[in-house]
Amino acid sequence: MKIGPLDPKPSSAPAANERKATGGKSAGAAEPSSHVELSAAATLLGAGSAAGAEAADGTFDSDKVQRIAQAIKDGHYVVHPEVIADKLIANAQELLGKTSR
């Protein structure tokens, strides 16, 4: 007595590697299912550097990253929570349009 499906073929759903190859889209899909546009504020936020390793001209400062990494390894990197908190508050105020300058 055989238990289970009689058809030894896999189900009609595409295999994981097939989905990756097609980007999860069906072969007949010509247009994307959604469209995303960034606001001017989001674009400006994306242009800034959160880590501070990017210079004003947009170049990456690998020397600064190395200095910080070495300071962390040596145990000399100091975190100032007050400065972080002040910058977070200033960023939030700027995003909300309530700058206090």
PDB file of N, CA and C in Angstrom:
ATOM      1  N   MET A   1       0.836  -1.166   0.000  1.00  0.00           N
ATOM      2  CA  MET A   1       0.000   0.000   0.000  1.00  0.00           C
ATOM      3  C   MET A   1       0.886   1.235   0.000  1.00  0.00           C
ATOM      4  N   LYS A   2       0.567   2.180  -0.877  1.00  0.00           N
ATOM      5  CA  LYS A   2       1.355   3.393  -1.024  1.00  0.00           C
ATOM      6  C   LYS A   2       0.604   4.555  -0.380  1.00  0.00           C
ATOM      7  N   ILE A   3       1.285   5.305   0.494  1.00  0.00           N
ATOM      8  CA  ILE A   3       0.684   6.466   1.142  1.00  0.00           C
ATOM      9  C   ILE A   3       1.336   7.707   0.566  1.00  0.00           C
ATOM     10  N   GLY A   4       0.531   8.671   0.181  1.00  0.00           N
ATOM     11  CA  GLY A   4       1.054   9.910  -0.375  1.00  0.00           C
ATOM     12  C   GLY A   4       0.639  10.065  -1.812  1.00  0.00           C
ATOM     13  N   PRO A   5       1.122  11.120  -2.452  1.00  0.00           N
ATOM     14  CA  PRO A   5       0.724  11.374  -3.835  1.00  0.00           C
ATOM     15  C   PRO A   5       1.307  10.331  -4.768  1.00  0.00           C
ATOM     16  N   LEU A   6       0.576  10.023  -5.795  1.00  0.00           N
ATOM     17  CA  LEU A   6       1.027   9.044  -6.769  1.00  0.00           C
ATOM     18  C   LEU A   6       2.010   9.652  -7.761  1.00  0.00           C
ATOM     19  N   ASP A   7       1.922  10.982  -7.963  1.00  0.00           N
ATOM     20  CA  ASP A   7       2.783  11.666  -8.919  1.00  0.00           C
ATOM     21  C   ASP A   7       4.119  11.973  -8.254  1.00  0.00           C
ATOM     22  N   PRO A   8       5.247  11.418  -8.724  1.00  0.00           N
ATOM     23  CA  PRO A   8       6.544  11.659  -8.096  1.00  0.00           C
ATOM     24  C   PRO A   8       7.132  13.029  -8.421  1.00  0.00           C
ATOM     25  N   LYS A   9       6.484  13.799  -9.319  1.00  0.00           N
ATOM     26  CA  LYS A   9       7.001  15.111  -9.706  1.00  0.00           C
ATOM     27  C   LYS A   9       6.769  16.107  -8.570  1.00  0.00           C
ATOM     28  N   PRO A  10       7.656  17.115  -8.436  1.00  0.00           N
ATOM     29  CA  PRO A  10       7.447  18.138  -7.407  1.00  0.00           C
ATOM     30  C   PRO A  10       6.223  18.976  -7.755  1.00  0.00           C
ATOM     31  N   SER A  11       5.752  19.726  -6.787  1.00  0.00           N
ATOM     32  CA  SER A  11       4.584  20.576  -6.996  1.00  0.00           C
ATOM     33  C   SER A  11       4.874  21.614  -8.069  1.00  0.00           C
ATOM     34  N   SER A  12       3.848  22.308  -8.527  1.00  0.00           N
ATOM     35  CA  SER A  12       4.014  23.261  -9.622  1.00  0.00           C
ATOM     36  C   SER A  12       4.695  24.556  -9.188  1.00  0.00           C
ATOM     37  N   ALA A  13       4.889  24.763  -7.878  1.00  0.00           N
ATOM     38  CA  ALA A  13       5.571  25.968  -7.408  1.00  0.00           C
ATOM     39  C   ALA A  13       7.032  25.910  -7.817  1.00  0.00           C
ATOM     40  N   PRO A  14       7.602  27.032  -8.265  1.00  0.00           N
ATOM     41  CA  PRO A  14       9.009  27.020  -8.683  1.00  0.00           C
ATOM     42  C   PRO A  14       9.926  26.761  -7.492  1.00  0.00           C
ATOM     43  N   ALA A  15      11.010  26.102  -7.763  1.00  0.00           N
ATOM     44  CA  ALA A  15      11.999  25.825  -6.720  1.00  0.00           C
ATOM     45  C   ALA A  15      12.666  27.123  -6.302  1.00  0.00           C
ATOM     46  N   ALA A  16      13.316  27.114  -5.143  1.00  0.00           N
ATOM     47  CA  ALA A  16      13.957  28.317  -4.613  1.00  0.00           C
ATOM     48  C   ALA A  16      14.980  28.878  -5.587  1.00  0.00           C
ATOM     49  N   ASN A  17      15.766  28.000  -6.221  1.00  0.00           N
ATOM     50  CA  ASN A  17      16.785  28.500  -7.148  1.00  0.00           C
ATOM     51  C   ASN A  17      16.154  29.071  -8.407  1.00  0.00           C
ATOM     52  N   GLU A  18      14.965  28.595  -8.811  1.00  0.00           N
ATOM     53  CA  GLU A  18      14.281  29.169  -9.957  1.00  0.00           C
ATOM     54  C   GLU A  18      13.754  30.560  -9.621  1.00  0.00           C
ATOM     55  N   ARG A  19      13.244  30.743  -8.398  1.00  0.00           N
ATOM     56  CA  ARG A  19      12.740  32.050  -7.986  1.00  0.00           C
ATOM     57  C   ARG A  19      13.862  33.064  -7.948  1.00  0.00           C
ATOM     58  N   LYS A  20      15.028  32.643  -7.475  1.00  0.00           N
ATOM     59  CA  LYS A  20      16.162  33.566  -7.425  1.00  0.00           C
ATOM     60  C   LYS A  20      16.592  33.983  -8.821  1.00  0.00           C
ATOM     61  N   ALA A  21      16.600  33.048  -9.739  1.00  0.00           N
ATOM     62  CA  ALA A  21      17.052  33.340 -11.087  1.00  0.00           C
ATOM     63  C   ALA A  21      16.132  34.312 -11.799  1.00  0.00           C
ATOM     64  N   THR A  22      14.841  34.247 -11.524  1.00  0.00           N
ATOM     65  CA  THR A  22      13.904  35.139 -12.195  1.00  0.00           C
ATOM     66  C   THR A  22      13.555  36.339 -11.355  1.00  0.00           C
ATOM     67  N   GLY A  23      14.133  36.461 -10.175  1.00  0.00           N
ATOM     68  CA  GLY A  23      13.837  37.579  -9.299  1.00  0.00           C
ATOM     69  C   GLY A  23      12.460  37.472  -8.670  1.00  0.00           C
ATOM     70  N   GLY A  24      11.886  36.267  -8.663  1.00  0.00           N
ATOM     71  CA  GLY A  24      10.598  36.057  -8.052  1.00  0.00           C
ATOM     72  C   GLY A  24       9.442  36.495  -8.936  1.00  0.00           C
ATOM     73  N   LYS A  25       9.716  36.890 -10.178  1.00  0.00           N
ATOM     74  CA  LYS A  25       8.683  37.365 -11.090  1.00  0.00           C
ATOM     75  C   LYS A  25       8.309  36.249 -12.049  1.00  0.00           C
ATOM     76  N   SER A  26       7.084  36.255 -12.485  1.00  0.00           N
ATOM     77  CA  SER A  26       6.690  35.284 -13.489  1.00  0.00           C
ATOM     78  C   SER A  26       7.241  35.723 -14.835  1.00  0.00           C
ATOM     79  N   ALA A  27       7.369  34.778 -15.741  1.00  0.00           N
ATOM     80  CA  ALA A  27       8.000  35.066 -17.029  1.00  0.00           C
ATOM     81  C   ALA A  27       7.215  36.089 -17.831  1.00  0.00           C
ATOM     82  N   GLY A  28       5.881  36.172 -17.661  1.00  0.00           N
ATOM     83  CA  GLY A  28       5.080  37.091 -18.449  1.00  0.00           C
ATOM     84  C   GLY A  28       4.930  38.468 -17.830  1.00  0.00           C
ATOM     85  N   ALA A  29       5.448  38.699 -16.633  1.00  0.00           N
ATOM     86  CA  ALA A  29       5.279  39.990 -15.958  1.00  0.00           C
ATOM     87  C   ALA A  29       6.187  41.028 -16.605  1.00  0.00           C
ATOM     88  N   ALA A  30       5.585  42.066 -17.200  1.00  0.00           N
ATOM     89  CA  ALA A  30       6.363  43.086 -17.884  1.00  0.00           C
ATOM     90  C   ALA A  30       6.591  44.309 -17.006  1.00  0.00           C
ATOM     91  N   GLU A  31       5.663  44.585 -16.077  1.00  0.00           N
ATOM     92  CA  GLU A  31       5.772  45.768 -15.241  1.00  0.00           C
ATOM     93  C   GLU A  31       5.907  45.372 -13.775  1.00  0.00           C
ATOM     94  N   PRO A  32       6.630  46.178 -13.001  1.00  0.00           N
ATOM     95  CA  PRO A  32       6.752  45.870 -11.572  1.00  0.00           C
ATOM     96  C   PRO A  32       5.400  46.048 -10.883  1.00  0.00           C
ATOM     97  N   SER A  33       5.240  45.357  -9.760  1.00  0.00           N
ATOM     98  CA  SER A  33       3.974  45.423  -9.044  1.00  0.00           C
ATOM     99  C   SER A  33       3.862  46.672  -8.183  1.00  0.00           C
ATOM    100  N   SER A  34       4.975  47.361  -7.955  1.00  0.00           N
ATOM    101  CA  SER A  34       4.933  48.586  -7.167  1.00  0.00           C
ATOM    102  C   SER A  34       6.015  49.542  -7.642  1.00  0.00           C
ATOM    103  N   HIS A  35       5.848  50.796  -7.227  1.00  0.00           N
ATOM    104  CA  HIS A  35       6.806  51.831  -7.607  1.00  0.00           C
ATOM    105  C   HIS A  35       7.118  52.656  -6.368  1.00  0.00           C
ATOM    106  N   VAL A  36       8.380  52.933  -6.116  1.00  0.00           N
ATOM    107  CA  VAL A  36       8.787  53.683  -4.932  1.00  0.00           C
ATOM    108  C   VAL A  36       9.469  54.970  -5.361  1.00  0.00           C
ATOM    109  N   GLU A  37       9.055  56.079  -4.756  1.00  0.00           N
ATOM    110  CA  GLU A  37       9.712  57.363  -4.982  1.00  0.00           C
ATOM    111  C   GLU A  37      10.119  57.934  -3.631  1.00  0.00           C
ATOM    112  N   LEU A  38      11.346  58.424  -3.539  1.00  0.00           N
ATOM    113  CA  LEU A  38      11.836  59.019  -2.301  1.00  0.00           C
ATOM    114  C   LEU A  38      11.511  60.502  -2.279  1.00  0.00           C
ATOM    115  N   SER A  39      11.130  60.990  -1.117  1.00  0.00           N
ATOM    116  CA  SER A  39      10.885  62.420  -0.972  1.00  0.00           C
ATOM    117  C   SER A  39      12.224  63.153  -0.943  1.00  0.00           C
ATOM    118  N   ALA A  40      12.162  64.460  -1.049  1.00  0.00           N
ATOM    119  CA  ALA A  40      13.392  65.258  -1.000  1.00  0.00           C
ATOM    120  C   ALA A  40      14.086  65.082   0.340  1.00  0.00           C
ATOM    121  N   ALA A  41      13.302  65.000   1.418  1.00  0.00           N
ATOM    122  CA  ALA A  41      13.892  64.811   2.752  1.00  0.00           C
ATOM    123  C   ALA A  41      14.600  63.464   2.848  1.00  0.00           C
ATOM    124  N   ALA A  42      13.991  62.418   2.308  1.00  0.00           N
ATOM    125  CA  ALA A  42      14.619  61.095   2.347  1.00  0.00           C
ATOM    126  C   ALA A  42      15.893  61.068   1.517  1.00  0.00           C
ATOM    127  N   THR A  43      15.873  61.759   0.397  1.00  0.00           N
ATOM    128  CA  THR A  43      17.061  61.829  -0.441  1.00  0.00           C
ATOM    129  C   THR A  43      18.197  62.529   0.288  1.00  0.00           C
ATOM    130  N   LEU A  44      17.878  63.627   0.982  1.00  0.00           N
ATOM    131  CA  LEU A  44      18.895  64.338   1.754  1.00  0.00           C
ATOM    132  C   LEU A  44      19.425  63.481   2.884  1.00  0.00           C
ATOM    133  N   LEU A  45      18.550  62.745   3.550  1.00  0.00           N
ATOM    134  CA  LEU A  45      18.992  61.864   4.627  1.00  0.00           C
ATOM    135  C   LEU A  45      19.916  60.782   4.094  1.00  0.00           C
ATOM    136  N   GLY A  46      19.608  60.250   2.938  1.00  0.00           N
ATOM    137  CA  GLY A  46      20.432  59.221   2.330  1.00  0.00           C
ATOM    138  C   GLY A  46      21.781  59.743   1.893  1.00  0.00           C
ATOM    139  N   ALA A  47      21.853  61.031   1.591  1.00  0.00           N
ATOM    140  CA  ALA A  47      23.104  61.625   1.136  1.00  0.00           C
ATOM    141  C   ALA A  47      24.072  61.853   2.284  1.00  0.00           C
ATOM    142  N   GLY A  48      23.571  61.961   3.513  1.00  0.00           N
ATOM    143  CA  GLY A  48      24.421  62.184   4.679  1.00  0.00           C
ATOM    144  C   GLY A  48      25.106  60.908   5.104  1.00  0.00           C
ATOM    145  N   SER A  49      26.103  61.047   5.944  1.00  0.00           N
ATOM    146  CA  SER A  49      26.831  59.884   6.437  1.00  0.00           C
ATOM    147  C   SER A  49      26.526  59.665   7.905  1.00  0.00           C
ATOM    148  N   ALA A  50      25.901  58.552   8.216  1.00  0.00           N
ATOM    149  CA  ALA A  50      25.544  58.250   9.603  1.00  0.00           C
ATOM    150  C   ALA A  50      26.778  57.890  10.417  1.00  0.00           C
ATOM    151  N   ALA A  51      27.734  57.223   9.799  1.00  0.00           N
ATOM    152  CA  ALA A  51      28.897  56.758  10.540  1.00  0.00           C
ATOM    153  C   ALA A  51      29.986  57.807  10.635  1.00  0.00           C
ATOM    154  N   GLY A  52      29.943  58.826   9.821  1.00  0.00           N
ATOM    155  CA  GLY A  52      30.954  59.868   9.872  1.00  0.00           C
ATOM    156  C   GLY A  52      32.231  59.508   9.144  1.00  0.00           C
ATOM    157  N   ALA A  53      32.247  58.439   8.387  1.00  0.00           N
ATOM    158  CA  ALA A  53      33.437  58.043   7.657  1.00  0.00           C
ATOM    159  C   ALA A  53      33.433  58.598   6.244  1.00  0.00           C
ATOM    160  N   GLU A  54      32.410  59.356   5.905  1.00  0.00           N
ATOM    161  CA  GLU A  54      32.316  59.938   4.580  1.00  0.00           C
ATOM    162  C   GLU A  54      32.623  61.426   4.674  1.00  0.00           C
ATOM    163  N   ALA A  55      33.558  61.882   3.854  1.00  0.00           N
ATOM    164  CA  ALA A  55      33.934  63.294   3.858  1.00  0.00           C
ATOM    165  C   ALA A  55      32.839  64.120   3.207  1.00  0.00           C
ATOM    166  N   ALA A  56      32.946  65.449   3.332  1.00  0.00           N
ATOM    167  CA  ALA A  56      31.931  66.359   2.791  1.00  0.00           C
ATOM    168  C   ALA A  56      31.789  66.216   1.278  1.00  0.00           C
ATOM    169  N   ASP A  57      32.856  65.840   0.607  1.00  0.00           N
ATOM    170  CA  ASP A  57      32.788  65.698  -0.854  1.00  0.00           C
ATOM    171  C   ASP A  57      32.281  64.327  -1.283  1.00  0.00           C
ATOM    172  N   GLY A  58      31.900  63.464  -0.324  1.00  0.00           N
ATOM    173  CA  GLY A  58      31.325  62.168  -0.652  1.00  0.00           C
ATOM    174  C   GLY A  58      32.324  61.035  -0.716  1.00  0.00           C
ATOM    175  N   THR A  59      33.603  61.315  -0.482  1.00  0.00           N
ATOM    176  CA  THR A  59      34.599  60.248  -0.516  1.00  0.00           C
ATOM    177  C   THR A  59      34.621  59.520   0.814  1.00  0.00           C
ATOM    178  N   PHE A  60      34.965  58.264   0.796  1.00  0.00           N
ATOM    179  CA  PHE A  60      35.021  57.439   1.993  1.00  0.00           C
ATOM    180  C   PHE A  60      36.397  57.583   2.634  1.00  0.00           C
ATOM    181  N   ASP A  61      36.427  57.853   3.931  1.00  0.00           N
ATOM    182  CA  ASP A  61      37.682  58.061   4.652  1.00  0.00           C
ATOM    183  C   ASP A  61      38.090  56.757   5.342  1.00  0.00           C
ATOM    184  N   SER A  62      38.797  55.914   4.608  1.00  0.00           N
ATOM    185  CA  SER A  62      39.189  54.615   5.167  1.00  0.00           C
ATOM    186  C   SER A  62      40.210  54.776   6.294  1.00  0.00           C
ATOM    187  N   ASP A  63      41.016  55.841   6.266  1.00  0.00           N
ATOM    188  CA  ASP A  63      41.971  56.071   7.348  1.00  0.00           C
ATOM    189  C   ASP A  63      41.242  56.335   8.664  1.00  0.00           C
ATOM    190  N   LYS A  64      40.154  57.092   8.599  1.00  0.00           N
ATOM    191  CA  LYS A  64      39.377  57.367   9.811  1.00  0.00           C
ATOM    192  C   LYS A  64      38.770  56.081  10.358  1.00  0.00           C
ATOM    193  N   VAL A  65      38.283  55.246   9.471  1.00  0.00           N
ATOM    194  CA  VAL A  65      37.720  53.966   9.899  1.00  0.00           C
ATOM    195  C   VAL A  65      38.791  53.121  10.579  1.00  0.00           C
ATOM    196  N   GLN A  66      39.984  53.094  10.012  1.00  0.00           N
ATOM    197  CA  GLN A  66      41.078  52.326  10.607  1.00  0.00           C
ATOM    198  C   GLN A  66      41.471  52.868  11.976  1.00  0.00           C
ATOM    199  N   ARG A  67      41.520  54.220  12.100  1.00  0.00           N
ATOM    200  CA  ARG A  67      41.858  54.816  13.397  1.00  0.00           C
ATOM    201  C   ARG A  67      40.821  54.459  14.462  1.00  0.00           C
ATOM    202  N   ILE A  68      39.552  54.541  14.095  1.00  0.00           N
ATOM    203  CA  ILE A  68      38.491  54.208  15.059  1.00  0.00           C
ATOM    204  C   ILE A  68      38.539  52.734  15.409  1.00  0.00           C
ATOM    205  N   ALA A  69      38.726  51.865  14.407  1.00  0.00           N
ATOM    206  CA  ALA A  69      38.796  50.428  14.659  1.00  0.00           C
ATOM    207  C   ALA A  69      39.960  50.091  15.587  1.00  0.00           C
ATOM    208  N   GLN A  70      41.104  50.739  15.351  1.00  0.00           N
ATOM    209  CA  GLN A  70      42.265  50.486  16.207  1.00  0.00           C
ATOM    210  C   GLN A  70      42.013  50.976  17.630  1.00  0.00           C
ATOM    211  N   ALA A  71      41.385  52.131  17.778  1.00  0.00           N
ATOM    212  CA  ALA A  71      41.076  52.656  19.107  1.00  0.00           C
ATOM    213  C   ALA A  71      40.129  51.718  19.854  1.00  0.00           C
ATOM    214  N   ILE A  72      39.158  51.144  19.137  1.00  0.00           N
ATOM    215  CA  ILE A  72      38.246  50.186  19.768  1.00  0.00           C
ATOM    216  C   ILE A  72      39.006  48.947  20.208  1.00  0.00           C
ATOM    217  N   LYS A  73      39.886  48.417  19.339  1.00  0.00           N
ATOM    218  CA  LYS A  73      40.677  47.229  19.670  1.00  0.00           C
ATOM    219  C   LYS A  73      41.568  47.487  20.873  1.00  0.00           C
ATOM    220  N   ASP A  74      42.141  48.697  20.937  1.00  0.00           N
ATOM    221  CA  ASP A  74      43.057  49.033  22.039  1.00  0.00           C
ATOM    222  C   ASP A  74      42.310  49.403  23.315  1.00  0.00           C
ATOM    223  N   GLY A  75      41.005  49.572  23.223  1.00  0.00           N
ATOM    224  CA  GLY A  75      40.219  49.949  24.399  1.00  0.00           C
ATOM    225  C   GLY A  75      40.290  51.425  24.718  1.00  0.00           C
ATOM    226  N   HIS A  76      40.677  52.242  23.743  1.00  0.00           N
ATOM    227  CA  HIS A  76      40.824  53.679  23.970  1.00  0.00           C
ATOM    228  C   HIS A  76      39.678  54.497  23.389  1.00  0.00           C
ATOM    229  N   TYR A  77      38.754  53.848  22.689  1.00  0.00           N
ATOM    230  CA  TYR A  77      37.648  54.585  22.071  1.00  0.00           C
ATOM    231  C   TYR A  77      36.645  54.966  23.148  1.00  0.00           C
ATOM    232  N   VAL A  78      36.351  56.254  23.234  1.00  0.00           N
ATOM    233  CA  VAL A  78      35.447  56.756  24.266  1.00  0.00           C
ATOM    234  C   VAL A  78      34.130  57.160  23.623  1.00  0.00           C
ATOM    235  N   VAL A  79      33.038  56.660  24.185  1.00  0.00           N
ATOM    236  CA  VAL A  79      31.705  57.020  23.712  1.00  0.00           C
ATOM    237  C   VAL A  79      31.138  58.044  24.681  1.00  0.00           C
ATOM    238  N   HIS A  80      30.636  59.148  24.142  1.00  0.00           N
ATOM    239  CA  HIS A  80      30.038  60.197  24.952  1.00  0.00           C
ATOM    240  C   HIS A  80      28.530  60.159  24.752  1.00  0.00           C
ATOM    241  N   PRO A  81      27.792  59.511  25.657  1.00  0.00           N
ATOM    242  CA  PRO A  81      26.349  59.372  25.479  1.00  0.00           C
ATOM    243  C   PRO A  81      25.614  60.701  25.407  1.00  0.00           C
ATOM    244  N   GLU A  82      26.132  61.734  26.087  1.00  0.00           N
ATOM    245  CA  GLU A  82      25.474  63.044  26.050  1.00  0.00           C
ATOM    246  C   GLU A  82      25.508  63.625  24.640  1.00  0.00           C
ATOM    247  N   VAL A  83      26.644  63.486  23.973  1.00  0.00           N
ATOM    248  CA  VAL A  83      26.797  64.012  22.619  1.00  0.00           C
ATOM    249  C   VAL A  83      25.879  63.251  21.662  1.00  0.00           C
ATOM    250  N   ILE A  84      25.823  61.930  21.818  1.00  0.00           N
ATOM    251  CA  ILE A  84      24.957  61.116  20.974  1.00  0.00           C
ATOM    252  C   ILE A  84      23.502  61.518  21.183  1.00  0.00           C
ATOM    253  N   ALA A  85      23.096  61.679  22.438  1.00  0.00           N
ATOM    254  CA  ALA A  85      21.719  62.069  22.742  1.00  0.00           C
ATOM    255  C   ALA A  85      21.393  63.435  22.156  1.00  0.00           C
ATOM    256  N   ASP A  86      22.306  64.387  22.300  1.00  0.00           N
ATOM    257  CA  ASP A  86      22.073  65.733  21.757  1.00  0.00           C
ATOM    258  C   ASP A  86      21.906  65.698  20.236  1.00  0.00           C
ATOM    259  N   LYS A  87      22.742  64.904  19.556  1.00  0.00           N
ATOM    260  CA  LYS A  87      22.647  64.813  18.100  1.00  0.00           C
ATOM    261  C   LYS A  87      21.371  64.101  17.674  1.00  0.00           C
ATOM    262  N   LEU A  88      20.967  63.074  18.399  1.00  0.00           N
ATOM    263  CA  LEU A  88      19.712  62.393  18.084  1.00  0.00           C
ATOM    264  C   LEU A  88      18.523  63.340  18.226  1.00  0.00           C
ATOM    265  N   ILE A  89      18.522  64.126  19.296  1.00  0.00           N
ATOM    266  CA  ILE A  89      17.438  65.085  19.513  1.00  0.00           C
ATOM    267  C   ILE A  89      17.447  66.147  18.423  1.00  0.00           C
ATOM    268  N   ALA A  90      18.617  66.655  18.069  1.00  0.00           N
ATOM    269  CA  ALA A  90      18.721  67.666  17.017  1.00  0.00           C
ATOM    270  C   ALA A  90      18.233  67.111  15.678  1.00  0.00           C
ATOM    271  N   ASN A  91      18.601  65.861  15.367  1.00  0.00           N
ATOM    272  CA  ASN A  91      18.149  65.241  14.122  1.00  0.00           C
ATOM    273  C   ASN A  91      16.643  65.055  14.117  1.00  0.00           C
ATOM    274  N   ALA A  92      16.086  64.634  15.241  1.00  0.00           N
ATOM    275  CA  ALA A  92      14.637  64.449  15.333  1.00  0.00           C
ATOM    276  C   ALA A  92      13.919  65.779  15.166  1.00  0.00           C
ATOM    277  N   GLN A  93      14.440  66.826  15.798  1.00  0.00           N
ATOM    278  CA  GLN A  93      13.823  68.160  15.655  1.00  0.00           C
ATOM    279  C   GLN A  93      13.889  68.646  14.220  1.00  0.00           C
ATOM    280  N   GLU A  94      15.008  68.386  13.571  1.00  0.00           N
ATOM    281  CA  GLU A  94      15.167  68.802  12.176  1.00  0.00           C
ATOM    282  C   GLU A  94      14.175  68.055  11.279  1.00  0.00           C
ATOM    283  N   LEU A  95      14.026  66.774  11.523  1.00  0.00           N
ATOM    284  CA  LEU A  95      13.082  65.980  10.723  1.00  0.00           C
ATOM    285  C   LEU A  95      11.651  66.435  10.944  1.00  0.00           C
ATOM    286  N   LEU A  96      11.346  66.840  12.155  1.00  0.00           N
ATOM    287  CA  LEU A  96       9.997  67.286  12.466  1.00  0.00           C
ATOM    288  C   LEU A  96       9.757  68.753  12.115  1.00  0.00           C
ATOM    289  N   GLY A  97      10.826  69.446  11.697  1.00  0.00           N
ATOM    290  CA  GLY A  97      10.692  70.844  11.298  1.00  0.00           C
ATOM    291  C   GLY A  97      10.627  71.791  12.475  1.00  0.00           C
ATOM    292  N   LYS A  98      11.176  71.385  13.596  1.00  0.00           N
ATOM    293  CA  LYS A  98      11.120  72.212  14.810  1.00  0.00           C
ATOM    294  C   LYS A  98      12.515  72.579  15.281  1.00  0.00           C
ATOM    295  N   THR A  99      13.334  73.084  14.386  1.00  0.00           N
ATOM    296  CA  THR A  99      14.683  73.464  14.788  1.00  0.00           C
ATOM    297  C   THR A  99      14.631  74.639  15.731  1.00  0.00           C
ATOM    298  N   SER A 100      15.460  74.621  16.741  1.00  0.00           N
ATOM    299  CA  SER A 100      15.432  75.662  17.776  1.00  0.00           C
ATOM    300  C   SER A 100      16.626  76.595  17.655  1.00  0.00           C
ATOM    301  N   ARG A 101      17.002  76.942  16.460  1.00  0.00           N
ATOM    302  CA  ARG A 101      18.157  77.825  16.270  1.00  0.00           C
ATOM    303  C   ARG A 101      17.733  79.220  16.134  1.00  0.00           C
TER     304      ARG A 101
END
